[in-house]
Amino acid sequence: MTDKILPGGKMIQPLTTPQTKPRPESPEKKKTSFQEVLDQKVQGHRVQFSKHATERLARRAIELDSVELDKLDEAVKKAADRGARESLVVMGNNAYVVSIKNNLVITAIDGESMRENVFTNIDSAIIMD
């Protein structure tokens, strides 16, 4: 850049910017998706979660610990022993619709969403402590 002269004879010098060293790239934090966390927790359990169920768990802030996963596995086994195909499993304030044949949780419902709700396409219900 060159100096500029304004009317009236004032001279303007171009601004210079100090040279800055490029920032060292910080290591990117690996973001863990809800699905990855859920997959880690359910390792060793028979029951799996569909994409829809995983989204419902996240949206409704339903968290399952290993004890609850064990209860869910137990409920699925009981339903399978009785010949059930699609079951509603109620545990505490939450409910899960499970495909027994596929060991797959289809959806998850929190207590608030259960009120005045109708569950269809199920052939059994299991109430767990």
N, C-alpha and C. Protein backbone atom coordinates (compact mmCIF):
# COMPACT_ATOMS: atom_id res chain seq x y z
N MET A 1 0.83 -1.17 0.00
CA MET A 1 0.00 0.00 0.00
C MET A 1 0.88 1.24 0.00
N THR A 2 0.32 2.27 -0.54
CA THR A 2 1.06 3.54 -0.58
C THR A 2 0.36 4.56 0.28
N ASP A 3 1.12 5.62 0.62
CA ASP A 3 0.53 6.71 1.39
C ASP A 3 -0.48 7.44 0.53
N LYS A 4 -1.55 7.92 1.16
CA LYS A 4 -2.56 8.68 0.44
C LYS A 4 -2.53 10.12 0.94
N ILE A 5 -2.75 11.05 0.02
CA ILE A 5 -2.79 12.46 0.40
C ILE A 5 -4.23 12.93 0.23
N LEU A 6 -4.77 13.46 1.31
CA LEU A 6 -6.13 13.98 1.30
C LEU A 6 -6.12 15.44 0.86
N PRO A 7 -7.29 15.96 0.40
CA PRO A 7 -7.36 17.37 0.08
C PRO A 7 -6.95 18.18 1.32
N GLY A 8 -6.21 19.20 1.17
CA GLY A 8 -5.69 20.00 2.27
C GLY A 8 -4.29 19.59 2.64
N GLY A 9 -3.75 18.55 1.99
CA GLY A 9 -2.37 18.18 2.17
C GLY A 9 -2.09 17.19 3.29
N LYS A 10 -3.13 16.67 3.96
CA LYS A 10 -2.87 15.69 5.02
C LYS A 10 -2.53 14.35 4.39
N MET A 11 -1.53 13.72 4.96
CA MET A 11 -1.11 12.45 4.42
C MET A 11 -1.58 11.32 5.36
N ILE A 12 -2.12 10.28 4.79
CA ILE A 12 -2.57 9.12 5.58
C ILE A 12 -1.66 7.95 5.23
N GLN A 13 -1.15 7.37 6.25
CA GLN A 13 -0.32 6.18 6.05
C GLN A 13 -1.19 4.95 6.27
N PRO A 14 -0.98 3.96 5.50
CA PRO A 14 -1.78 2.75 5.68
C PRO A 14 -1.50 2.13 7.04
N LEU A 15 -2.55 1.55 7.59
CA LEU A 15 -2.38 0.85 8.86
C LEU A 15 -1.64 -0.45 8.61
N THR A 16 -0.79 -0.75 9.51
CA THR A 16 -0.10 -2.03 9.42
C THR A 16 -0.60 -2.89 10.56
N THR A 17 -0.81 -4.09 10.27
CA THR A 17 -1.26 -4.99 11.32
C THR A 17 -0.07 -5.81 11.77
N PRO A 18 0.05 -5.96 13.07
CA PRO A 18 1.17 -6.77 13.55
C PRO A 18 0.99 -8.22 13.09
N GLN A 19 2.08 -8.82 12.77
CA GLN A 19 2.02 -10.22 12.36
C GLN A 19 1.76 -11.07 13.59
N THR A 20 0.74 -11.87 13.50
CA THR A 20 0.44 -12.77 14.62
C THR A 20 0.78 -14.18 14.22
N LYS A 21 1.22 -14.88 15.20
CA LYS A 21 1.54 -16.28 14.95
C LYS A 21 0.23 -17.06 14.89
N PRO A 22 0.17 -17.97 13.99
CA PRO A 22 -1.06 -18.76 13.95
C PRO A 22 -1.22 -19.54 15.25
N ARG A 23 -2.45 -19.59 15.70
CA ARG A 23 -2.73 -20.33 16.94
C ARG A 23 -2.48 -21.80 16.71
N PRO A 24 -1.86 -22.40 17.68
CA PRO A 24 -1.72 -23.85 17.53
C PRO A 24 -3.11 -24.47 17.59
N GLU A 25 -3.33 -25.41 16.73
CA GLU A 25 -4.65 -26.03 16.70
C GLU A 25 -4.84 -26.84 17.96
N SER A 26 -5.95 -26.52 18.63
CA SER A 26 -6.25 -27.28 19.84
C SER A 26 -6.84 -28.61 19.42
N PRO A 27 -6.49 -29.61 20.15
CA PRO A 27 -7.05 -30.91 19.78
C PRO A 27 -8.57 -30.85 19.92
N GLU A 28 -9.25 -31.30 18.89
CA GLU A 28 -10.70 -31.26 18.92
C GLU A 28 -11.21 -32.26 19.94
N LYS A 29 -12.15 -31.78 20.72
CA LYS A 29 -12.77 -32.69 21.67
C LYS A 29 -13.70 -33.59 20.90
N LYS A 30 -13.59 -34.86 21.16
CA LYS A 30 -14.46 -35.80 20.47
C LYS A 30 -15.83 -35.70 21.11
N LYS A 31 -16.80 -35.34 20.30
CA LYS A 31 -18.16 -35.27 20.80
C LYS A 31 -18.75 -36.67 20.77
N THR A 32 -19.33 -37.05 21.89
CA THR A 32 -19.93 -38.36 21.99
C THR A 32 -21.42 -38.21 21.79
N SER A 33 -21.94 -38.92 20.83
CA SER A 33 -23.37 -38.84 20.57
C SER A 33 -24.13 -39.65 21.62
N PHE A 34 -25.40 -39.32 21.75
CA PHE A 34 -26.25 -40.06 22.68
C PHE A 34 -26.26 -41.53 22.33
N GLN A 35 -26.30 -41.84 21.03
CA GLN A 35 -26.32 -43.23 20.59
C GLN A 35 -25.06 -43.96 21.04
N GLU A 36 -23.89 -43.30 20.96
CA GLU A 36 -22.65 -43.95 21.38
C GLU A 36 -22.65 -44.22 22.88
N VAL A 37 -23.15 -43.27 23.66
CA VAL A 37 -23.23 -43.47 25.11
C VAL A 37 -24.18 -44.62 25.42
N LEU A 38 -25.32 -44.63 24.75
CA LEU A 38 -26.29 -45.70 24.97
C LEU A 38 -25.71 -47.05 24.57
N ASP A 39 -25.02 -47.11 23.44
CA ASP A 39 -24.41 -48.36 22.99
C ASP A 39 -23.40 -48.89 24.02
N GLN A 40 -22.63 -47.97 24.62
CA GLN A 40 -21.66 -48.37 25.63
C GLN A 40 -22.37 -48.96 26.85
N LYS A 41 -23.48 -48.35 27.24
CA LYS A 41 -24.20 -48.81 28.42
C LYS A 41 -24.90 -50.15 28.20
N VAL A 42 -25.37 -50.40 26.98
CA VAL A 42 -26.14 -51.62 26.75
C VAL A 42 -25.28 -52.81 26.33
N GLN A 43 -23.98 -52.62 26.25
CA GLN A 43 -23.13 -53.75 25.92
C GLN A 43 -23.33 -54.83 26.98
N GLY A 44 -23.48 -56.05 26.53
CA GLY A 44 -23.70 -57.15 27.46
C GLY A 44 -25.17 -57.40 27.74
N HIS A 45 -26.05 -56.57 27.22
CA HIS A 45 -27.47 -56.75 27.40
C HIS A 45 -28.07 -57.24 26.09
N ARG A 46 -29.13 -58.01 26.21
CA ARG A 46 -29.77 -58.56 25.01
C ARG A 46 -30.54 -57.51 24.26
N VAL A 47 -31.26 -56.67 24.97
CA VAL A 47 -32.15 -55.72 24.33
C VAL A 47 -31.36 -54.59 23.66
N GLN A 48 -31.81 -54.22 22.46
CA GLN A 48 -31.20 -53.12 21.70
C GLN A 48 -32.24 -52.01 21.58
N PHE A 49 -31.81 -50.85 21.09
CA PHE A 49 -32.70 -49.71 20.96
C PHE A 49 -32.73 -49.25 19.50
N SER A 50 -33.94 -49.07 18.99
CA SER A 50 -34.08 -48.55 17.63
C SER A 50 -33.66 -47.09 17.60
N LYS A 51 -33.46 -46.59 16.40
CA LYS A 51 -33.10 -45.18 16.25
C LYS A 51 -34.20 -44.30 16.85
N HIS A 52 -35.45 -44.66 16.59
CA HIS A 52 -36.58 -43.91 17.12
C HIS A 52 -36.55 -43.90 18.65
N ALA A 53 -36.32 -45.07 19.25
CA ALA A 53 -36.28 -45.16 20.71
C ALA A 53 -35.13 -44.35 21.27
N THR A 54 -34.00 -44.38 20.60
CA THR A 54 -32.84 -43.60 21.04
C THR A 54 -33.15 -42.11 21.02
N GLU A 55 -33.83 -41.67 19.97
CA GLU A 55 -34.22 -40.25 19.89
C GLU A 55 -35.19 -39.88 21.00
N ARG A 56 -36.14 -40.78 21.29
CA ARG A 56 -37.11 -40.52 22.36
C ARG A 56 -36.42 -40.46 23.72
N LEU A 57 -35.49 -41.36 23.95
CA LEU A 57 -34.75 -41.35 25.23
C LEU A 57 -34.04 -40.01 25.41
N ALA A 58 -33.39 -39.55 24.36
CA ALA A 58 -32.66 -38.29 24.44
C ALA A 58 -33.61 -37.11 24.62
N ARG A 59 -34.66 -37.06 23.82
CA ARG A 59 -35.59 -35.92 23.87
C ARG A 59 -36.32 -35.85 25.21
N ARG A 60 -36.63 -37.00 25.77
CA ARG A 60 -37.40 -37.03 27.02
C ARG A 60 -36.51 -37.16 28.25
N ALA A 61 -35.21 -37.09 28.05
CA ALA A 61 -34.22 -37.16 29.14
C ALA A 61 -34.43 -38.40 30.01
N ILE A 62 -34.65 -39.53 29.36
CA ILE A 62 -34.77 -40.80 30.07
C ILE A 62 -33.40 -41.46 30.07
N GLU A 63 -32.92 -41.75 31.26
CA GLU A 63 -31.62 -42.41 31.38
C GLU A 63 -31.81 -43.77 32.01
N LEU A 64 -31.13 -44.73 31.46
CA LEU A 64 -31.18 -46.10 31.97
C LEU A 64 -29.83 -46.48 32.54
N ASP A 65 -29.83 -46.97 33.78
CA ASP A 65 -28.57 -47.47 34.33
C ASP A 65 -28.54 -48.99 34.12
N SER A 66 -27.47 -49.61 34.55
CA SER A 66 -27.32 -51.05 34.29
C SER A 66 -28.38 -51.88 35.01
N VAL A 67 -28.83 -51.43 36.17
CA VAL A 67 -29.88 -52.15 36.90
C VAL A 67 -31.18 -52.11 36.09
N GLU A 68 -31.52 -50.95 35.56
CA GLU A 68 -32.73 -50.82 34.77
C GLU A 68 -32.63 -51.61 33.46
N LEU A 69 -31.45 -51.63 32.86
CA LEU A 69 -31.26 -52.43 31.65
C LEU A 69 -31.43 -53.92 31.95
N ASP A 70 -30.93 -54.35 33.11
CA ASP A 70 -31.12 -55.74 33.52
C ASP A 70 -32.61 -56.06 33.69
N LYS A 71 -33.36 -55.14 34.30
CA LYS A 71 -34.81 -55.33 34.47
C LYS A 71 -35.51 -55.40 33.12
N LEU A 72 -35.08 -54.55 32.19
CA LEU A 72 -35.67 -54.56 30.86
C LEU A 72 -35.38 -55.88 30.16
N ASP A 73 -34.15 -56.37 30.29
CA ASP A 73 -33.80 -57.68 29.73
C ASP A 73 -34.67 -58.78 30.34
N GLU A 74 -34.85 -58.70 31.65
CA GLU A 74 -35.66 -59.70 32.37
C GLU A 74 -37.11 -59.66 31.87
N ALA A 75 -37.64 -58.46 31.68
CA ALA A 75 -39.02 -58.32 31.19
C ALA A 75 -39.16 -58.91 29.79
N VAL A 76 -38.18 -58.67 28.93
CA VAL A 76 -38.22 -59.20 27.57
C VAL A 76 -38.16 -60.72 27.60
N LYS A 77 -37.34 -61.27 28.48
CA LYS A 77 -37.24 -62.73 28.60
C LYS A 77 -38.57 -63.32 29.07
N LYS A 78 -39.19 -62.69 30.08
CA LYS A 78 -40.48 -63.17 30.57
C LYS A 78 -41.53 -63.14 29.47
N ALA A 79 -41.55 -62.04 28.71
CA ALA A 79 -42.52 -61.91 27.63
C ALA A 79 -42.28 -62.97 26.56
N ALA A 80 -41.01 -63.22 26.23
CA ALA A 80 -40.67 -64.23 25.22
C ALA A 80 -41.10 -65.62 25.70
N ASP A 81 -40.90 -65.91 26.98
CA ASP A 81 -41.28 -67.21 27.54
C ASP A 81 -42.80 -67.44 27.45
N ARG A 82 -43.56 -66.36 27.44
CA ARG A 82 -45.02 -66.46 27.36
C ARG A 82 -45.53 -66.34 25.92
N GLY A 83 -44.62 -66.19 24.96
CA GLY A 83 -45.03 -66.14 23.56
C GLY A 83 -45.45 -64.76 23.07
N ALA A 84 -45.10 -63.72 23.81
CA ALA A 84 -45.48 -62.37 23.39
C ALA A 84 -44.68 -61.95 22.17
N ARG A 85 -45.27 -61.02 21.41
CA ARG A 85 -44.59 -60.50 20.22
C ARG A 85 -44.22 -59.03 20.41
N GLU A 86 -45.17 -58.22 20.83
CA GLU A 86 -44.95 -56.79 21.07
C GLU A 86 -45.46 -56.49 22.48
N SER A 87 -44.60 -55.99 23.34
CA SER A 87 -44.98 -55.77 24.73
C SER A 87 -44.77 -54.33 25.17
N LEU A 88 -45.61 -53.93 26.11
CA LEU A 88 -45.42 -52.67 26.81
C LEU A 88 -44.78 -53.03 28.14
N VAL A 89 -43.58 -52.49 28.38
CA VAL A 89 -42.87 -52.74 29.63
C VAL A 89 -42.90 -51.44 30.42
N VAL A 90 -43.52 -51.49 31.61
CA VAL A 90 -43.61 -50.32 32.48
C VAL A 90 -42.62 -50.51 33.61
N MET A 91 -41.71 -49.55 33.73
CA MET A 91 -40.70 -49.59 34.80
C MET A 91 -40.65 -48.21 35.44
N GLY A 92 -41.08 -48.13 36.69
CA GLY A 92 -41.08 -46.84 37.36
C GLY A 92 -42.01 -45.88 36.65
N ASN A 93 -41.51 -44.70 36.32
CA ASN A 93 -42.31 -43.69 35.64
C ASN A 93 -42.20 -43.76 34.12
N ASN A 94 -41.48 -44.74 33.60
CA ASN A 94 -41.25 -44.83 32.16
C ASN A 94 -41.84 -46.12 31.60
N ALA A 95 -42.10 -46.09 30.31
CA ALA A 95 -42.61 -47.29 29.64
C ALA A 95 -41.86 -47.45 28.33
N TYR A 96 -41.78 -48.69 27.88
CA TYR A 96 -41.07 -49.02 26.66
C TYR A 96 -41.92 -49.99 25.85
N VAL A 97 -42.06 -49.73 24.56
CA VAL A 97 -42.71 -50.69 23.68
C VAL A 97 -41.58 -51.49 23.04
N VAL A 98 -41.66 -52.81 23.20
CA VAL A 98 -40.54 -53.68 22.81
C VAL A 98 -41.02 -54.75 21.84
N SER A 99 -40.26 -54.92 20.75
CA SER A 99 -40.45 -56.06 19.86
C SER A 99 -39.71 -57.23 20.51
N ILE A 100 -40.47 -58.16 21.03
CA ILE A 100 -39.87 -59.28 21.78
C ILE A 100 -39.05 -60.16 20.86
N LYS A 101 -39.58 -60.44 19.68
CA LYS A 101 -38.89 -61.31 18.72
C LYS A 101 -37.52 -60.75 18.35
N ASN A 102 -37.44 -59.43 18.20
CA ASN A 102 -36.19 -58.79 17.78
C ASN A 102 -35.36 -58.25 18.94
N ASN A 103 -35.83 -58.39 20.17
CA ASN A 103 -35.15 -57.82 21.34
C ASN A 103 -34.84 -56.35 21.10
N LEU A 104 -35.84 -55.62 20.62
CA LEU A 104 -35.63 -54.25 20.20
C LEU A 104 -36.66 -53.33 20.85
N VAL A 105 -36.16 -52.32 21.57
CA VAL A 105 -37.04 -51.29 22.12
C VAL A 105 -37.43 -50.40 20.95
N ILE A 106 -38.72 -50.29 20.72
CA ILE A 106 -39.23 -49.52 19.58
C ILE A 106 -39.40 -48.06 19.95
N THR A 107 -39.91 -47.82 21.16
CA THR A 107 -40.05 -46.44 21.63
C THR A 107 -40.01 -46.40 23.14
N ALA A 108 -39.74 -45.22 23.66
CA ALA A 108 -39.67 -44.99 25.10
C ALA A 108 -40.59 -43.83 25.44
N ILE A 109 -41.32 -43.97 26.54
CA ILE A 109 -42.29 -42.96 26.94
C ILE A 109 -42.02 -42.60 28.40
N ASP A 110 -41.95 -41.30 28.68
CA ASP A 110 -41.79 -40.87 30.06
C ASP A 110 -43.16 -40.76 30.72
N GLY A 111 -43.17 -40.59 32.04
CA GLY A 111 -44.41 -40.54 32.81
C GLY A 111 -45.37 -39.48 32.32
N GLU A 112 -44.88 -38.31 32.01
CA GLU A 112 -45.73 -37.22 31.55
C GLU A 112 -46.41 -37.56 30.23
N SER A 113 -45.69 -38.20 29.34
CA SER A 113 -46.24 -38.55 28.02
C SER A 113 -47.20 -39.74 28.09
N MET A 114 -47.11 -40.53 29.17
CA MET A 114 -47.98 -41.70 29.30
C MET A 114 -49.41 -41.32 29.64
N ARG A 115 -49.58 -40.18 30.28
CA ARG A 115 -50.92 -39.78 30.70
C ARG A 115 -51.85 -39.69 29.49
N GLU A 116 -53.00 -40.31 29.64
CA GLU A 116 -54.04 -40.29 28.61
C GLU A 116 -53.52 -40.74 27.25
N ASN A 117 -52.59 -41.66 27.25
CA ASN A 117 -52.03 -42.18 26.00
C ASN A 117 -52.64 -43.56 25.74
N VAL A 118 -52.80 -43.90 24.49
CA VAL A 118 -53.31 -45.21 24.10
C VAL A 118 -52.16 -45.97 23.44
N PHE A 119 -51.92 -47.18 23.90
CA PHE A 119 -50.88 -48.02 23.33
C PHE A 119 -51.54 -49.05 22.44
N THR A 120 -51.14 -49.08 21.19
CA THR A 120 -51.72 -50.03 20.24
C THR A 120 -50.65 -50.98 19.75
N ASN A 121 -51.08 -52.02 19.08
CA ASN A 121 -50.19 -53.01 18.48
C ASN A 121 -49.31 -53.71 19.50
N ILE A 122 -49.82 -53.90 20.71
CA ILE A 122 -49.11 -54.69 21.70
C ILE A 122 -49.99 -55.87 22.06
N ASP A 123 -49.37 -56.97 22.45
CA ASP A 123 -50.17 -58.13 22.87
C ASP A 123 -49.92 -58.51 24.32
N SER A 124 -49.11 -57.69 25.01
CA SER A 124 -48.85 -57.97 26.42
C SER A 124 -48.31 -56.73 27.11
N ALA A 125 -48.39 -56.76 28.43
CA ALA A 125 -47.83 -55.67 29.24
C ALA A 125 -47.13 -56.29 30.43
N ILE A 126 -45.98 -55.76 30.75
CA ILE A 126 -45.20 -56.24 31.89
C ILE A 126 -44.95 -55.03 32.79
N ILE A 127 -45.31 -55.19 34.06
CA ILE A 127 -45.08 -54.12 35.04
C ILE A 127 -43.92 -54.57 35.92
N MET A 128 -42.83 -53.80 35.88
CA MET A 128 -41.64 -54.13 36.67
C MET A 128 -41.53 -53.16 37.83
N ASP A 129 -40.95 -53.62 38.93
CA ASP A 129 -40.71 -52.73 40.10
C ASP A 129 -39.67 -51.73 39.79
